[in-house]
Protein backbone atom coordinates (compact mmCIF):
# COMPACT_ATOMS: atom_id res chain seq x y z
CA MET A 1 38.11 107.76 71.43
CA LYS A 2 38.31 107.55 67.68
CA TRP A 3 37.71 103.90 65.72
CA ARG A 4 37.93 103.29 62.13
CA ALA A 5 36.81 100.21 60.47
CA CYS A 6 39.11 97.08 59.39
CA ALA A 7 40.77 98.04 56.33
CA ASN A 8 43.36 96.39 53.59
CA GLY A 9 41.24 93.23 52.94
CA THR A 10 41.19 92.19 56.79
CA SER A 11 38.50 89.90 57.80
CA PRO A 12 36.65 91.67 60.71
CA SER A 13 35.51 88.31 62.24
CA ALA A 14 38.96 87.25 62.80
CA MET A 15 40.48 90.44 64.18
CA ALA A 16 39.29 93.05 66.97
CA CYS A 17 39.56 96.32 66.66
CA SER A 18 41.46 98.18 69.58
CA PRO A 19 42.21 101.81 70.61
CA TRP A 20 45.96 102.42 71.56
CA PRO A 21 47.16 105.25 73.79
CA ASP A 22 48.93 106.96 70.64
CA GLY A 23 45.43 107.27 69.35
CA ALA A 24 46.11 104.82 66.46
CA VAL A 25 43.81 101.67 66.27
CA ARG A 26 45.26 98.19 65.58
CA TYR A 27 43.62 95.05 64.88
CA VAL A 28 44.65 91.92 67.22
CA PRO A 29 43.84 88.62 66.15
CA TRP A 30 41.37 87.02 68.33
CA SER A 31 43.74 84.22 69.27
CA ASP A 32 45.82 86.74 71.01
CA MET A 33 42.98 87.81 73.57
CA SER A 34 42.29 84.03 74.84
CA PRO A 35 43.35 84.10 78.05
CA GLY A 36 45.57 80.49 77.45
CA PRO A 37 48.74 79.94 79.26
CA LEU A 38 50.85 82.72 80.50
CA GLU A 39 54.32 81.31 78.46
CA PRO A 40 56.66 82.13 81.19
CA ASN A 41 59.62 81.91 78.69
CA TRP A 42 61.63 81.27 81.73
CA HIS A 43 64.95 80.49 79.77
CA THR A 44 65.04 84.53 78.62
CA LEU A 45 64.07 86.16 81.72
CA GLY A 46 67.36 86.47 83.30
CA SER A 47 68.20 89.10 80.84
CA PHE A 48 65.09 91.08 82.05
CA LEU A 49 65.90 90.81 85.83
CA PRO A 50 66.80 94.41 85.15
CA MET A 51 63.42 95.71 83.98
CA ALA A 52 62.17 93.78 86.93
CA LEU A 53 63.93 95.74 89.56
CA ALA A 54 62.87 98.88 87.93
CA VAL A 55 59.08 97.96 87.89
CA GLY A 56 58.56 99.33 91.28
CA GLN A 57 60.08 102.66 90.04
CA VAL A 58 57.65 102.62 87.04
CA CYS A 59 54.73 101.72 88.75
CA ALA A 60 55.33 104.41 91.33
CA ARG A 61 55.65 106.86 88.17
CA ARG A 62 52.37 105.74 86.69
CA LEU A 63 50.06 106.28 89.86
CA LEU A 64 46.85 107.90 88.68
CA VAL A 65 46.97 111.45 90.32
CA GLU A 66 43.77 113.20 89.39
CA ALA A 67 41.32 115.81 91.26
CA SER A 68 38.98 114.37 93.53
CA GLY A 69 36.12 115.52 95.22
CA ASN A 70 33.97 118.36 94.58
CA PRO A 71 34.66 120.72 91.54
CA ASP A 72 36.18 124.59 92.72
CA PRO A 73 33.94 127.25 93.55
CA ALA A 74 34.09 128.57 90.10
CA THR A 75 32.78 125.36 88.58
CA ARG A 76 30.28 125.42 91.08
CA ALA A 77 29.29 128.85 89.58
CA VAL A 78 29.16 128.04 85.98
CA ASP A 79 27.20 124.51 86.73
CA ALA A 80 24.92 126.53 89.32
CA PHE A 81 24.40 129.09 86.37
CA LEU A 82 23.54 126.16 83.78
CA ALA A 83 21.13 124.87 86.06
CA ALA A 84 18.97 127.82 86.67
CA THR A 85 19.33 128.31 82.46
CA LEU A 86 17.34 125.16 82.30
CA ARG A 87 15.21 125.90 84.82
CA GLY A 88 13.90 128.71 83.06
CA GLU A 89 14.71 131.51 85.58
CA GLY A 90 15.94 133.96 82.97
CA GLN A 91 19.61 134.82 84.93
CA ALA A 92 21.54 137.51 82.66
CA TRP A 93 24.66 136.59 81.51
CA PRO A 94 27.22 137.15 84.49
CA GLU A 95 29.17 140.34 83.86
CA GLY A 96 32.93 139.85 84.06
CA TRP A 97 32.67 136.12 82.65
CA SER A 98 35.06 135.84 80.16
CA ASP A 99 36.52 132.19 80.21
CA ILE A 100 34.55 130.91 77.37
CA ALA A 101 36.52 127.83 76.80
CA SER A 102 36.10 126.49 80.56
CA LEU A 103 32.20 127.28 80.14
CA TRP A 104 31.82 124.99 77.06
CA GLN A 105 33.75 122.54 78.83
CA ARG A 106 31.10 122.21 81.38
CA ILE A 107 28.36 122.33 79.07
CA GLU A 108 30.26 119.19 77.19
CA PHE A 109 30.73 117.62 80.64
CA HIS A 110 26.92 118.23 81.18
CA GLY A 111 25.91 116.83 77.96
CA ILE A 112 23.10 119.58 77.27
CA ALA A 113 23.87 121.33 74.24
CA LEU A 114 21.15 120.38 72.25
CA ILE A 115 18.72 121.17 75.49
CA LEU A 116 20.18 124.71 75.54
CA ALA A 117 20.11 125.04 71.80
CA GLU A 118 16.04 124.40 71.65
CA ILE A 119 15.66 127.28 74.24
CA PRO A 120 17.34 130.30 72.36
CA ASP A 121 15.38 132.91 74.26
CA ARG A 122 17.50 131.74 77.07
CA LEU A 123 20.66 132.48 75.57
CA ALA A 124 20.29 135.85 74.09
CA ASP A 125 22.89 137.51 76.15
CA TRP A 126 25.62 134.61 75.87
CA PRO A 127 28.58 135.74 73.78
CA GLN A 128 27.86 134.76 70.16
CA ILE A 129 30.87 132.38 69.70
CA LEU A 130 29.56 130.33 73.00
CA ARG A 131 25.86 130.21 71.13
CA GLU A 132 27.37 129.23 67.50
CA ALA A 133 29.35 126.26 69.47
CA ILE A 134 25.98 125.04 71.17
CA ARG A 135 24.33 125.33 67.75
CA SER A 136 27.18 123.36 66.21
CA GLU A 137 26.78 120.27 68.45
CA ALA A 138 23.37 120.58 68.64
CA GLN A 139 23.33 119.77 65.15
CA SER A 140 26.16 116.96 65.27
CA GLN A 141 23.93 115.34 68.06
CA VAL A 142 20.83 115.32 65.85
CA PHE A 143 22.98 113.64 62.91
CA TRP A 144 24.11 110.93 65.39
CA GLU A 145 21.11 110.43 66.93
CA GLU A 146 19.34 109.90 63.20
CA SER A 147 22.44 107.64 61.98
CA HIS A 148 22.48 105.82 65.45
CA MET A 149 18.62 105.09 65.51
CA ARG A 150 18.46 103.35 62.05
CA VAL A 151 21.43 100.84 62.79
CA VAL A 152 19.94 100.15 66.20
CA ALA A 153 16.45 99.52 65.16
CA ASN A 154 17.72 96.97 62.57
CA VAL A 155 19.63 94.86 65.25
CA LEU A 156 16.47 95.31 67.01
CA ASP A 157 14.59 94.14 64.52
CA GLY A 158 16.76 91.40 63.53
CA LEU A 159 16.85 90.10 67.47
CA ALA A 160 12.75 89.90 67.18
CA ALA A 161 12.72 87.90 64.08
CA HIS A 162 15.10 85.54 66.13
CA ALA A 163 12.63 85.86 68.85
CA ILE A 164 15.36 86.98 71.00
CA PRO A 165 14.13 89.07 74.11
CA ALA A 166 16.31 92.09 74.88
CA ARG A 167 15.90 95.00 76.61
CA LEU A 168 17.53 98.71 75.86
CA MET A 169 19.04 100.55 79.07
CA LYS A 170 20.31 103.69 80.43
CA GLY A 171 20.83 106.10 77.79
CA THR A 172 18.93 104.68 74.79
CA ALA A 173 16.12 103.77 76.80
CA LEU A 174 15.98 107.26 78.42
CA ALA A 175 15.96 109.04 75.12
CA TYR A 176 12.66 107.36 74.03
CA CYS A 177 11.14 107.00 76.90
CA VAL A 178 11.22 110.41 78.56
CA TYR A 179 12.68 113.02 76.01
CA ASP A 180 10.10 114.61 73.54
CA ASN A 181 13.65 114.62 70.94
CA PRO A 182 15.83 111.63 71.61
CA ALA A 183 18.79 113.33 70.33
CA LYS A 184 18.87 115.59 73.32
CA ARG A 185 19.85 112.61 75.29
CA ARG A 186 23.48 112.83 74.45
CA ARG A 187 25.28 109.50 74.48
CA GLY A 188 27.93 107.55 72.90
CA ASP A 189 26.35 104.00 72.56
CA THR A 190 23.57 101.69 73.13
CA ASP A 191 23.36 99.59 75.97
CA LEU A 192 21.67 96.16 75.34
CA LEU A 193 20.49 93.63 77.63
CA VAL A 194 20.10 89.61 76.57
CA GLU A 195 20.01 86.59 78.77
CA ALA A 196 22.82 84.66 78.51
CA ALA A 197 21.27 81.60 77.00
CA SER A 198 20.61 83.93 73.72
CA LEU A 199 24.18 85.21 73.90
CA ALA A 200 25.53 83.33 70.79
CA ALA A 201 22.33 83.73 68.70
CA THR A 202 22.46 87.65 69.17
CA ARG A 203 26.45 87.67 68.23
CA GLY A 204 24.78 86.25 65.08
CA VAL A 205 22.58 88.76 64.87
CA LEU A 206 25.31 91.68 65.17
CA ARG A 207 27.16 90.02 62.69
CA ASP A 208 25.07 89.59 59.99
CA ALA A 209 24.00 93.15 60.52
CA GLY A 210 27.46 94.43 60.03
CA TRP A 211 28.71 94.81 63.64
CA THR A 212 32.15 94.25 64.46
CA ARG A 213 33.34 93.17 68.06
CA ARG A 214 35.64 95.22 69.85
CA LEU A 215 38.73 94.20 71.62
CA ASP A 216 37.20 94.86 75.04
CA PRO A 217 39.44 96.31 77.66
CA HIS A 218 40.79 94.01 80.65
CA GLY A 219 38.24 93.82 83.62
CA LEU A 220 34.70 93.31 81.77
CA PHE A 221 32.88 89.86 82.19
CA PHE A 222 29.60 90.26 81.60
CA GLN A 223 29.47 92.61 78.78
CA GLU A 224 31.12 93.25 75.21
CA THR A 225 31.23 95.93 72.81
CA TRP A 226 30.13 95.83 69.22
CA LEU A 227 31.17 98.32 66.28
CA PHE A 228 29.31 99.56 63.07
CA ALA A 229 31.02 101.47 60.44
CA THR A 230 28.75 103.72 58.56
CA GLY A 231 31.27 104.21 55.81
CA PHE A 232 30.84 108.01 56.13
CA GLY A 233 33.23 108.46 59.11
CA MET A 234 30.89 107.53 62.14
CA ILE A 235 31.49 104.70 64.22
CA HIS A 236 28.40 103.33 66.16
CA ALA A 237 28.56 101.34 69.55
CA ILE A 238 26.62 98.81 71.29
CA ASP A 239 27.51 97.48 74.60
CA LEU A 240 26.18 94.19 74.79
CA HIS A 241 25.09 93.02 78.16
CA TRP A 242 24.31 89.47 79.53
CA GLN A 243 23.45 91.14 83.01
CA PRO A 244 22.40 94.56 83.93
CA ASN A 245 25.80 95.38 85.35
CA ASP A 246 29.20 93.79 85.05
CA SER A 247 29.72 93.47 88.74
CA PRO A 248 28.37 90.33 90.47
CA ALA A 249 27.84 92.62 93.93
CA LEU A 250 25.51 95.09 92.00
CA GLN A 251 24.17 92.24 90.44
CA GLN A 252 22.10 91.45 93.73
CA VAL A 253 20.49 94.70 93.39
CA LEU A 254 20.06 94.96 89.78
CA ARG A 255 18.54 91.33 89.13
CA ILE A 256 18.20 90.12 85.51
CA ALA A 257 14.94 88.58 86.19
CA GLU A 258 13.11 91.75 86.80
CA TYR A 259 14.37 93.26 83.54
CA PHE A 260 12.50 90.62 81.43
CA SER A 261 9.35 90.12 83.93
CA HIS A 262 8.17 93.80 82.98
CA SER A 263 8.99 96.35 80.06
CA VAL A 264 8.20 99.53 78.59
CA PRO A 265 7.93 99.51 74.79
CA LEU A 266 9.82 102.08 72.72
CA THR A 267 8.05 102.50 69.56
CA ARG A 268 9.51 105.55 68.34
CA LEU A 269 12.66 103.77 67.93
CA SER A 270 11.39 100.45 66.86
CA ALA A 271 8.07 97.90 67.35
CA ALA A 272 10.59 95.59 69.16
CA ALA A 273 12.25 97.80 71.08
CA ARG A 274 11.79 97.60 74.96
CA ALA A 275 13.23 98.85 78.12
CA PRO A 276 13.23 98.23 82.03
CA THR A 277 10.40 99.44 84.09
CA HIS A 278 10.98 103.56 85.14
CA VAL A 279 11.48 102.33 88.46
CA LEU A 280 14.32 100.03 87.28
CA THR A 281 15.63 102.81 84.87
CA PHE A 282 15.91 105.18 87.40
CA ILE A 283 17.77 102.88 90.20
CA GLN A 284 20.33 101.87 87.25
CA GLY A 285 20.76 105.23 86.83
CA ALA A 286 21.32 106.38 90.36
CA MET A 287 23.81 103.68 90.72
CA ASN A 288 25.65 104.72 87.37
CA GLN A 289 26.00 108.26 88.67
CA ALA A 290 27.38 107.33 92.34
CA TRP A 291 30.18 105.03 90.32
CA HIS A 292 30.86 107.75 87.72
CA ARG A 293 31.25 110.44 90.35
CA ALA A 294 33.77 108.58 92.39
CA LYS A 295 35.48 106.68 89.13
CA GLY A 296 35.32 109.93 86.68
CA TYR A 297 33.63 110.25 83.81
CA PHE A 298 35.10 110.79 80.29
CA VAL A 299 34.61 114.20 78.24
CA GLY A 300 36.62 113.25 75.54
CA GLU A 301 40.36 111.81 76.64
CA GLU A 302 39.78 113.87 79.79
CA ARG A 303 38.96 112.30 82.90
CA VAL A 304 36.76 114.31 85.19
CA ILE A 305 36.03 112.67 88.66
CA GLY A 306 33.73 114.41 90.94
CA GLY A 307 30.64 116.46 90.45
CA HIS A 308 27.28 115.66 89.00
CA ARG A 309 25.99 116.09 85.37
CA LEU A 310 22.92 118.14 84.68
CA ILE A 311 21.81 115.69 82.09
CA TRP A 312 21.77 112.91 84.78
CA SER A 313 19.54 115.13 86.89
CA LEU A 314 17.29 115.89 83.98
CA ASP A 315 16.93 112.03 83.20
CA ASN A 316 15.53 111.70 86.78
CA HIS A 317 13.35 114.64 86.37
CA LEU A 318 11.58 113.70 83.40
CA LEU A 319 11.42 110.02 84.50
CA THR A 320 10.15 110.41 88.00
CA ARG A 321 7.46 113.09 86.46
CA GLN A 322 5.81 109.60 84.90
CA PHE A 323 5.85 107.72 87.99
CA SER A 324 2.93 106.42 89.53
CA GLU A 325 2.05 106.14 93.19
CA ALA A 326 2.84 102.54 93.14
CA GLU A 327 6.40 103.45 91.07
CA TRP A 328 7.26 105.80 94.22
CA ALA A 329 6.66 103.12 96.34
CA LYS A 330 8.45 100.63 94.38
CA LEU A 331 11.39 102.61 94.15
CA ALA A 332 11.55 103.50 98.19
CA THR A 333 11.19 99.69 99.03
CA ILE A 334 13.64 98.40 96.81
CA GLY A 335 16.35 101.64 97.76
CA THR A 336 15.69 100.25 101.69
CA SER A 337 15.44 96.85 101.40
CA ARG A 338 18.53 96.41 99.03
CA GLU A 339 20.64 98.79 101.02
CA ILE A 340 21.22 101.70 98.14
CA ALA A 341 18.89 104.06 100.05
CA GLY A 342 21.57 106.39 100.13
CA ILE A 343 22.02 106.12 96.49
CA VAL A 344 18.62 106.51 95.49
CA LEU A 345 18.39 109.76 98.01
CA ALA A 346 21.06 111.29 96.62
CA ALA A 347 20.13 111.19 92.88
CA LEU A 348 16.93 112.51 94.21
CA GLU A 349 17.91 115.32 95.98
CA ALA A 350 20.34 116.23 92.73
CA ALA A 351 17.34 116.27 90.80
CA GLU A 352 15.55 118.63 93.33
CA ARG A 353 18.36 120.96 93.69
CA ASP A 354 19.31 120.89 89.84
CA LEU A 355 15.64 121.36 88.93
CA GLY A 356 13.21 121.35 91.35
CA THR A 357 11.77 117.70 91.11
CA ARG A 358 9.85 116.64 93.99
CA ALA A 359 9.72 113.66 95.29
CA PRO A 360 6.98 112.29 97.70
CA ARG A 361 7.57 113.41 101.18
CA GLU A 362 6.98 109.70 102.68
CA VAL A 363 9.43 107.96 100.16
CA LEU A 364 12.36 110.63 100.67
CA ALA A 365 11.41 109.75 104.85
CA ALA A 366 11.48 105.94 103.92
CA LEU A 367 15.02 106.26 102.31
CA ARG A 368 16.21 108.75 104.71
CA ALA A 369 15.63 106.71 107.72
CA ALA A 370 17.08 103.62 106.35
CA PRO A 371 20.91 102.62 107.03
CA GLN A 372 23.18 105.12 104.75
CA ASP A 373 26.78 103.92 105.04
CA THR A 374 26.15 100.31 103.64
CA ALA A 375 28.55 98.01 102.03
CA LEU A 376 26.86 98.52 98.64
CA THR A 377 27.13 102.05 99.06
CA ARG A 378 30.84 101.99 99.92
CA TYR A 379 31.29 99.51 96.63
CA LEU A 380 29.88 102.24 94.73
CA THR A 381 31.91 105.39 96.19
CA GLN A 382 35.47 103.97 96.91
CA ARG A 383 38.34 104.57 94.63
CA SER A 384 39.95 101.20 95.52
CA GLN A 385 40.36 98.43 93.02
CA LEU A 386 41.47 95.96 95.39
CA GLY A 387 38.02 96.69 97.62
CA GLU A 388 36.22 96.26 94.48
CA PHE A 389 37.75 93.16 93.64
CA LEU A 390 37.20 91.75 96.87
CA THR A 391 33.81 92.73 97.23
CA ASP A 392 32.88 91.47 93.90
CA LEU A 393 34.83 88.22 94.61
CA ARG A 394 32.65 87.94 97.60
CA ALA A 395 29.74 88.27 95.70
CA SER A 396 30.55 85.90 92.93
CA GLU A 397 28.41 82.30 93.61
CA GLY A 398 29.91 79.47 94.31
CA LEU A 399 33.58 78.24 94.10
CA ARG A 400 33.98 77.78 90.34
CA ALA A 401 32.61 81.47 90.16
CA LYS A 402 34.97 82.75 92.47
CA ALA A 403 37.90 81.01 91.08
CA HIS A 404 37.15 82.14 87.50
CA PHE A 405 36.81 85.75 88.83
CA ALA A 406 39.70 85.94 90.40
CA LEU A 407 41.94 84.21 87.93
CA ALA A 408 40.60 86.70 84.86
CA ASN A 409 41.08 89.68 87.13
CA ALA A 410 44.70 88.53 87.82
CA PHE A 411 45.90 87.63 84.88
CA PRO A 412 44.58 89.34 81.87
CA ALA A 413 45.17 88.23 78.31
CA ARG A 414 48.10 89.05 76.36
CA GLY A 415 46.35 91.58 73.84
CA HIS A 416 45.40 93.71 77.03
CA LEU A 417 48.80 93.62 78.39
CA TYR A 418 50.37 94.98 74.91
CA TRP A 419 47.43 97.48 74.76
CA LYS A 420 48.09 98.89 78.25
CA TYR A 421 52.13 98.78 77.87
CA PRO A 422 52.77 99.38 73.97
CA GLN A 423 56.09 100.31 74.79
CA ALA A 424 56.93 97.14 76.88
CA THR A 425 55.71 94.64 74.27
CA ALA A 426 59.26 92.63 74.24
CA TRP A 427 59.01 92.15 77.82
CA PRO A 428 58.15 88.40 78.74
CA VAL A 429 54.37 87.80 79.80
CA PRO A 430 54.97 87.11 83.30
CA LEU A 431 56.81 90.56 84.10
CA LEU A 432 53.97 92.38 82.35
CA HIS A 433 51.60 90.52 84.52
CA LEU A 434 53.71 91.28 87.95
CA ARG A 435 54.20 95.09 86.65
CA ARG A 436 50.46 95.65 86.48
CA LEU A 437 49.63 93.95 90.03
CA LEU A 438 52.58 96.30 91.42
CA GLU A 439 50.68 98.90 89.98
CA ILE A 440 47.39 98.00 91.30
CA ALA A 441 48.83 97.21 94.91
CA LEU A 442 50.75 100.65 94.82
CA ARG A 443 47.53 102.42 93.59
CA SER A 444 45.76 101.14 96.37
CA ILE A 445 48.16 101.63 99.02
CA GLY A 446 48.22 105.24 97.53
CA LEU A 447 44.33 106.34 98.07
CA ARG A 448 44.39 104.49 101.35
CA ALA A 449 47.26 107.06 102.68
CA SER A 450 45.12 109.49 101.08
């Protein structure tokens, strides 16, 4: 996804950057993003009744049809070859392999270009064009990391100056915690967690540092994205969170108080940089990996469903190498007591299969003895928007939170509807809401039928 900074003298504080399906970037006034009334405009609705009759057909045509489940045998063979290369088993380039483009796509999917570039002896018999592509991508990763580190460290220093506690999560936490070269941990942004009480002050620090809030897609309730234009064609992003996960159901596992009670310093990034404990980082990663396997992971503009990224296994391999005996016990306790034993076990088994990661036998035994088919496991692995909504609704605490969650899900802001349906901006807003709800219902029915 490509972004560019606000131009033509437009004030970033009054506008929101928005990606549109045609690849262009629009800027939408924040007033268009407020939930506001539904603006029915009923006196003109009659002229749009023919459109309403066609909504069902439009929705049916828009049903998402994507590959799911495990990759095909050829792709599995490529993944096994790449994993063996990372393990250092010295496999020769397979005779007859000529589809360089497909192999390069898997390298991109796995996010391992720089890791491969730093082991050139294992690539000696690889096609030259592929080795050159790996070197080029590796150089881009290093350049991106150097730029990203500077702007993120500046934000962290600003937060520290205002005494705002913050935690780095996921990819950036791993990059500066377990990788010898942070650039090896390819990622597209930084996930930053603050407490809800510090949210307004954090936004002020970001604005003062030159960041602009993005027009976020509908469905985010506990996070938002901020962008920084470097001035030389590179845009950096921070996903600002005030809960470790955007799902009320998963917040029962990833508890924000635990993120701030103990932490790990990331001094290579900044004296002010801190991450959650290794155990929390592992658990959050395992849950994200299960989510992406079921819901998809974007490589460029392509959504890939199914499969497991080698960079995830490398994360878990490097992370667990630093575990103490007490941390292994803590991992087993959280996995079994919070109904995610199957998710934690899957991450450990994938790392063992890919890279030979060894977990203590008693930890594996405890995870395998715990219930595997739990409500949280089903939530992470299902592909039903309606099912996710109902689970999150039940997990929301209190009637007020439930009502807010339900209304915000059912009726997104006007700006989101225009982003989703750019060719239908002349439709009345209620009809756009109807179209969206019908698409969700039809998609849910189709997934259940499959």
